Amino acid sequence: MKTKSYSTNLVKGVILAVIGVLLIIFPVQVVKSITIVFGLAALLAGAVILYTYIMKRTREEEASIFLLFEGALDLVFGIILVLNPAISVKIFALLIGLWVIVEGIFRISDSLKMKKMGMDTWGRSLFAGMLFLILGIVVIFHPELTTKALTIWVGVVVMIFGILELFIAFHFKKIAGQQ
């Protein structure tokens, strides 16, 4: 059992470490590749759904118009992702940017309420809110940087997890060798 744990952890550790390194070295390319895979999956799903719709209609079975709509939507979504994978990078960053801006507005609003209440920490809250606003605007206008930074951080975490798995694997091997 120790040998099995060793080999399982070793393989898992190597795979995770390699994926982590790839995410760190090629963050935008990895996101684009994943987007293309999702796009191809959406194309396949759309084609299957439309085929199902057509077959039902051919056999004079009841086929919901929603089935037709779903298949068409999947196809369009798939085509967009496959032909323009960079769009996912921009949409992801846009959502993060909007979220950070909204958080900034809330912080600023809270700081003004804190000031009216006589709280001495209102200035720090105002400062944080202004930083959030600036950060959100930067994220929206530079989506590739945002996605790249997040992908690199995920890569670091995955790589560390892979290295930990390697340590565990070698520990299992050491224990198995002592028995």
C-alpha atoms as a PDB file:
ATOM      1  CA  MET A   1       0.000   0.000   0.000  1.00  0.00           C
ATOM      2  CA  LYS A   2       2.879   2.371   0.753  1.00  0.00           C
ATOM      3  CA  THR A   3       4.302   1.786  -2.774  1.00  0.00           C
ATOM      4  CA  LYS A   4       0.947   2.592  -4.341  1.00  0.00           C
ATOM      5  CA  SER A   5       0.722   5.790  -2.279  1.00  0.00           C
ATOM      6  CA  TYR A   6       4.263   6.660  -3.327  1.00  0.00           C
ATOM      7  CA  SER A   7       3.609   6.265  -7.057  1.00  0.00           C
ATOM      8  CA  THR A   8       0.222   7.975  -6.906  1.00  0.00           C
ATOM      9  CA  ASN A   9       1.602  10.969  -5.029  1.00  0.00           C
ATOM     10  CA  LEU A  10       4.669  11.070  -7.277  1.00  0.00           C
ATOM     11  CA  VAL A  11       2.626  11.172 -10.493  1.00  0.00           C
ATOM     12  CA  LYS A  12       0.143  13.650  -9.035  1.00  0.00           C
ATOM     13  CA  GLY A  13       2.964  15.845  -7.746  1.00  0.00           C
ATOM     14  CA  VAL A  14       4.805  15.903 -11.075  1.00  0.00           C
ATOM     15  CA  ILE A  15       1.609  16.666 -13.038  1.00  0.00           C
ATOM     16  CA  LEU A  16       0.575  19.472 -10.665  1.00  0.00           C
ATOM     17  CA  ALA A  17       4.070  20.959 -10.595  1.00  0.00           C
ATOM     18  CA  VAL A  18       4.255  20.962 -14.410  1.00  0.00           C
ATOM     19  CA  ILE A  19       0.773  22.516 -14.714  1.00  0.00           C
ATOM     20  CA  GLY A  20       1.760  25.135 -12.138  1.00  0.00           C
ATOM     21  CA  VAL A  21       4.938  25.996 -14.052  1.00  0.00           C
ATOM     22  CA  LEU A  22       2.979  26.245 -17.325  1.00  0.00           C
ATOM     23  CA  LEU A  23       0.469  28.574 -15.676  1.00  0.00           C
ATOM     24  CA  ILE A  24       3.304  30.741 -14.395  1.00  0.00           C
ATOM     25  CA  ILE A  25       5.281  30.847 -17.646  1.00  0.00           C
ATOM     26  CA  PHE A  26       2.384  30.997 -20.135  1.00  0.00           C
ATOM     27  CA  PRO A  27      -0.615  32.421 -18.212  1.00  0.00           C
ATOM     28  CA  VAL A  28      -2.481  34.101 -21.063  1.00  0.00           C
ATOM     29  CA  GLN A  29      -1.831  31.246 -23.493  1.00  0.00           C
ATOM     30  CA  VAL A  30      -3.134  28.705 -20.981  1.00  0.00           C
ATOM     31  CA  VAL A  31      -6.326  30.723 -20.429  1.00  0.00           C
ATOM     32  CA  LYS A  32      -6.808  31.029 -24.195  1.00  0.00           C
ATOM     33  CA  SER A  33      -6.239  27.284 -24.660  1.00  0.00           C
ATOM     34  CA  ILE A  34      -8.761  26.464 -21.937  1.00  0.00           C
ATOM     35  CA  THR A  35     -11.193  28.876 -23.605  1.00  0.00           C
ATOM     36  CA  ILE A  36     -10.790  27.071 -26.922  1.00  0.00           C
ATOM     37  CA  VAL A  37     -11.475  23.722 -25.233  1.00  0.00           C
ATOM     38  CA  PHE A  38     -14.645  25.164 -23.650  1.00  0.00           C
ATOM     39  CA  GLY A  39     -15.587  26.613 -27.045  1.00  0.00           C
ATOM     40  CA  LEU A  40     -15.187  23.224 -28.722  1.00  0.00           C
ATOM     41  CA  ALA A  41     -17.271  21.624 -25.960  1.00  0.00           C
ATOM     42  CA  ALA A  42     -19.999  24.243 -26.513  1.00  0.00           C
ATOM     43  CA  LEU A  43     -19.889  23.591 -30.283  1.00  0.00           C
ATOM     44  CA  LEU A  44     -20.234  19.849 -29.717  1.00  0.00           C
ATOM     45  CA  ALA A  45     -23.059  20.333 -27.205  1.00  0.00           C
ATOM     46  CA  GLY A  46     -24.850  22.724 -29.574  1.00  0.00           C
ATOM     47  CA  ALA A  47     -24.519  20.303 -32.482  1.00  0.00           C
ATOM     48  CA  VAL A  48     -25.861  17.401 -30.398  1.00  0.00           C
ATOM     49  CA  ILE A  49     -28.775  19.478 -29.114  1.00  0.00           C
ATOM     50  CA  LEU A  50     -29.669  20.700 -32.617  1.00  0.00           C
ATOM     51  CA  TYR A  51     -29.376  17.147 -33.959  1.00  0.00           C
ATOM     52  CA  THR A  52     -31.735  15.980 -31.200  1.00  0.00           C
ATOM     53  CA  TYR A  53     -34.168  18.770 -32.077  1.00  0.00           C
ATOM     54  CA  ILE A  54     -34.082  17.882 -35.789  1.00  0.00           C
ATOM     55  CA  MET A  55     -34.512  14.151 -35.098  1.00  0.00           C
ATOM     56  CA  LYS A  56     -37.503  14.819 -32.852  1.00  0.00           C
ATOM     57  CA  ARG A  57     -39.103  17.012 -35.509  1.00  0.00           C
ATOM     58  CA  THR A  58     -38.373  14.406 -38.211  1.00  0.00           C
ATOM     59  CA  ARG A  59     -40.112  11.704 -36.157  1.00  0.00           C
ATOM     60  CA  GLU A  60     -42.951  14.123 -35.506  1.00  0.00           C
ATOM     61  CA  GLU A  61     -42.241  14.071 -31.793  1.00  0.00           C
ATOM     62  CA  GLU A  62     -42.743  17.130 -29.681  1.00  0.00           C
ATOM     63  CA  ALA A  63     -39.598  19.268 -29.746  1.00  0.00           C
ATOM     64  CA  SER A  64     -39.457  22.352 -27.602  1.00  0.00           C
ATOM     65  CA  ILE A  65     -38.449  25.613 -29.218  1.00  0.00           C
ATOM     66  CA  PHE A  66     -36.226  26.046 -26.159  1.00  0.00           C
ATOM     67  CA  LEU A  67     -34.218  23.025 -27.314  1.00  0.00           C
ATOM     68  CA  LEU A  68     -33.643  24.751 -30.651  1.00  0.00           C
ATOM     69  CA  PHE A  69     -32.712  27.985 -28.882  1.00  0.00           C
ATOM     70  CA  GLU A  70     -30.331  26.200 -26.504  1.00  0.00           C
ATOM     71  CA  GLY A  71     -28.556  24.415 -29.353  1.00  0.00           C
ATOM     72  CA  ALA A  72     -28.219  27.617 -31.365  1.00  0.00           C
ATOM     73  CA  LEU A  73     -26.971  29.538 -28.337  1.00  0.00           C
ATOM     74  CA  ASP A  74     -24.362  26.857 -27.588  1.00  0.00           C
ATOM     75  CA  LEU A  75     -23.181  26.960 -31.195  1.00  0.00           C
ATOM     76  CA  VAL A  76     -22.869  30.758 -31.223  1.00  0.00           C
ATOM     77  CA  PHE A  77     -21.106  30.751 -27.853  1.00  0.00           C
ATOM     78  CA  GLY A  78     -18.743  28.011 -29.048  1.00  0.00           C
ATOM     79  CA  ILE A  79     -17.930  29.817 -32.283  1.00  0.00           C
ATOM     80  CA  ILE A  80     -17.163  33.046 -30.409  1.00  0.00           C
ATOM     81  CA  LEU A  81     -14.871  31.274 -27.942  1.00  0.00           C
ATOM     82  CA  VAL A  82     -13.033  29.254 -30.590  1.00  0.00           C
ATOM     83  CA  LEU A  83     -12.575  32.151 -33.014  1.00  0.00           C
ATOM     84  CA  ASN A  84     -11.796  34.761 -30.347  1.00  0.00           C
ATOM     85  CA  PRO A  85     -10.475  33.170 -27.136  1.00  0.00           C
ATOM     86  CA  ALA A  86      -9.125  36.528 -25.984  1.00  0.00           C
ATOM     87  CA  ILE A  87     -12.708  37.636 -25.321  1.00  0.00           C
ATOM     88  CA  SER A  88     -12.869  35.392 -22.240  1.00  0.00           C
ATOM     89  CA  VAL A  89      -9.826  37.190 -20.811  1.00  0.00           C
ATOM     90  CA  LYS A  90     -11.560  40.541 -21.266  1.00  0.00           C
ATOM     91  CA  ILE A  91     -14.936  39.418 -19.902  1.00  0.00           C
ATOM     92  CA  PHE A  92     -13.345  37.846 -16.820  1.00  0.00           C
ATOM     93  CA  ALA A  93     -11.357  40.993 -16.080  1.00  0.00           C
ATOM     94  CA  LEU A  94     -14.384  43.204 -16.746  1.00  0.00           C
ATOM     95  CA  LEU A  95     -16.420  41.343 -14.129  1.00  0.00           C
ATOM     96  CA  ILE A  96     -13.618  41.572 -11.579  1.00  0.00           C
ATOM     97  CA  GLY A  97     -13.121  45.274 -12.362  1.00  0.00           C
ATOM     98  CA  LEU A  98     -16.814  46.055 -11.940  1.00  0.00           C
ATOM     99  CA  TRP A  99     -16.928  44.135  -8.667  1.00  0.00           C
ATOM    100  CA  VAL A 100     -13.904  46.031  -7.299  1.00  0.00           C
ATOM    101  CA  ILE A 101     -15.403  49.395  -8.378  1.00  0.00           C
ATOM    102  CA  VAL A 102     -18.691  48.595  -6.633  1.00  0.00           C
ATOM    103  CA  GLU A 103     -16.764  47.591  -3.494  1.00  0.00           C
ATOM    104  CA  GLY A 104     -14.870  50.887  -3.715  1.00  0.00           C
ATOM    105  CA  ILE A 105     -18.106  52.852  -3.929  1.00  0.00           C
ATOM    106  CA  PHE A 106     -19.435  51.011  -0.865  1.00  0.00           C
ATOM    107  CA  ARG A 107     -16.221  51.749   1.062  1.00  0.00           C
ATOM    108  CA  ILE A 108     -16.428  55.447   0.192  1.00  0.00           C
ATOM    109  CA  SER A 109     -20.083  55.565   1.167  1.00  0.00           C
ATOM    110  CA  ASP A 110     -19.321  53.783   4.446  1.00  0.00           C
ATOM    111  CA  SER A 111     -16.459  56.184   5.163  1.00  0.00           C
ATOM    112  CA  LEU A 112     -18.773  59.184   4.810  1.00  0.00           C
ATOM    113  CA  LYS A 113     -21.226  57.574   7.238  1.00  0.00           C
ATOM    114  CA  MET A 114     -18.336  56.837   9.601  1.00  0.00           C
ATOM    115  CA  LYS A 115     -17.257  60.485   9.448  1.00  0.00           C
ATOM    116  CA  LYS A 116     -20.787  61.673  10.344  1.00  0.00           C
ATOM    117  CA  MET A 117     -20.736  59.264  13.292  1.00  0.00           C
ATOM    118  CA  GLY A 118     -17.455  60.754  14.485  1.00  0.00           C
ATOM    119  CA  MET A 119     -15.396  57.620  13.918  1.00  0.00           C
ATOM    120  CA  ASP A 120     -11.712  58.358  13.545  1.00  0.00           C
ATOM    121  CA  THR A 121     -11.141  55.492  11.072  1.00  0.00           C
ATOM    122  CA  TRP A 122     -13.260  57.067   8.339  1.00  0.00           C
ATOM    123  CA  GLY A 123     -10.174  58.371   6.507  1.00  0.00           C
ATOM    124  CA  ARG A 124      -8.700  54.885   6.141  1.00  0.00           C
ATOM    125  CA  SER A 125     -11.988  53.589   4.801  1.00  0.00           C
ATOM    126  CA  LEU A 126     -12.156  56.492   2.345  1.00  0.00           C
ATOM    127  CA  PHE A 127      -8.578  55.810   1.251  1.00  0.00           C
ATOM    128  CA  ALA A 128      -9.332  52.093   0.762  1.00  0.00           C
ATOM    129  CA  GLY A 129     -12.454  52.937  -1.254  1.00  0.00           C
ATOM    130  CA  MET A 130     -10.486  55.267  -3.504  1.00  0.00           C
ATOM    131  CA  LEU A 131      -7.821  52.594  -4.012  1.00  0.00           C
ATOM    132  CA  PHE A 132     -10.539  50.093  -4.932  1.00  0.00           C
ATOM    133  CA  LEU A 133     -11.970  52.524  -7.469  1.00  0.00           C
ATOM    134  CA  ILE A 134      -8.570  53.084  -9.063  1.00  0.00           C
ATOM    135  CA  LEU A 135      -7.797  49.360  -9.057  1.00  0.00           C
ATOM    136  CA  GLY A 136     -11.170  48.545 -10.626  1.00  0.00           C
ATOM    137  CA  ILE A 137     -10.612  51.071 -13.402  1.00  0.00           C
ATOM    138  CA  VAL A 138      -7.114  49.700 -14.064  1.00  0.00           C
ATOM    139  CA  VAL A 139      -8.505  46.160 -14.199  1.00  0.00           C
ATOM    140  CA  ILE A 140     -11.200  47.152 -16.710  1.00  0.00           C
ATOM    141  CA  PHE A 141      -8.796  49.009 -18.978  1.00  0.00           C
ATOM    142  CA  HIS A 142      -6.029  46.376 -18.753  1.00  0.00           C
ATOM    143  CA  PRO A 143      -7.851  43.017 -18.706  1.00  0.00           C
ATOM    144  CA  GLU A 144      -4.908  40.984 -19.960  1.00  0.00           C
ATOM    145  CA  LEU A 145      -2.782  42.044 -16.979  1.00  0.00           C
ATOM    146  CA  THR A 146      -5.515  41.055 -14.545  1.00  0.00           C
ATOM    147  CA  THR A 147      -6.009  37.627 -16.058  1.00  0.00           C
ATOM    148  CA  LYS A 148      -2.266  37.121 -16.341  1.00  0.00           C
ATOM    149  CA  ALA A 149      -1.692  38.026 -12.676  1.00  0.00           C
ATOM    150  CA  LEU A 150      -4.490  35.763 -11.423  1.00  0.00           C
ATOM    151  CA  THR A 151      -3.353  32.887 -13.617  1.00  0.00           C
ATOM    152  CA  ILE A 152       0.215  33.243 -12.357  1.00  0.00           C
ATOM    153  CA  TRP A 153      -1.006  33.153  -8.735  1.00  0.00           C
ATOM    154  CA  VAL A 154      -3.062  30.040  -9.463  1.00  0.00           C
ATOM    155  CA  GLY A 155       0.045  28.565 -11.093  1.00  0.00           C
ATOM    156  CA  VAL A 156       2.111  29.273  -7.976  1.00  0.00           C
ATOM    157  CA  VAL A 157      -0.505  27.597  -5.760  1.00  0.00           C
ATOM    158  CA  VAL A 158      -0.794  24.556  -8.062  1.00  0.00           C
ATOM    159  CA  MET A 159       2.994  24.251  -8.304  1.00  0.00           C
ATOM    160  CA  ILE A 160       3.360  24.409  -4.494  1.00  0.00           C
ATOM    161  CA  PHE A 161       0.646  21.776  -4.144  1.00  0.00           C
ATOM    162  CA  GLY A 162       2.537  19.596  -6.649  1.00  0.00           C
ATOM    163  CA  ILE A 163       5.801  20.014  -4.739  1.00  0.00           C
ATOM    164  CA  LEU A 164       4.037  19.080  -1.494  1.00  0.00           C
ATOM    165  CA  GLU A 165       2.724  15.926  -3.207  1.00  0.00           C
ATOM    166  CA  LEU A 166       6.302  15.087  -4.228  1.00  0.00           C
ATOM    167  CA  PHE A 167       7.455  15.483  -0.603  1.00  0.00           C
ATOM    168  CA  ILE A 168       4.643  13.182   0.504  1.00  0.00           C
ATOM    169  CA  ALA A 169       5.579  10.646  -2.182  1.00  0.00           C
ATOM    170  CA  PHE A 170       9.216  10.566  -1.087  1.00  0.00           C
ATOM    171  CA  HIS A 171       8.111  10.306   2.543  1.00  0.00           C
ATOM    172  CA  PHE A 172       5.985   7.247   1.674  1.00  0.00           C
ATOM    173  CA  LYS A 173       8.926   5.717  -0.183  1.00  0.00           C
ATOM    174  CA  LYS A 174      11.218   6.343   2.792  1.00  0.00           C
ATOM    175  CA  ILE A 175       8.723   4.732   5.171  1.00  0.00           C
ATOM    176  CA  ALA A 176       8.254   1.747   2.816  1.00  0.00           C
ATOM    177  CA  GLY A 177      12.052   1.333   2.614  1.00  0.00           C
ATOM    178  CA  GLN A 178      12.344   1.213   6.416  1.00  0.00           C
ATOM    179  CA  GLN A 179       9.824  -1.594   6.755  1.00  0.00           C
END
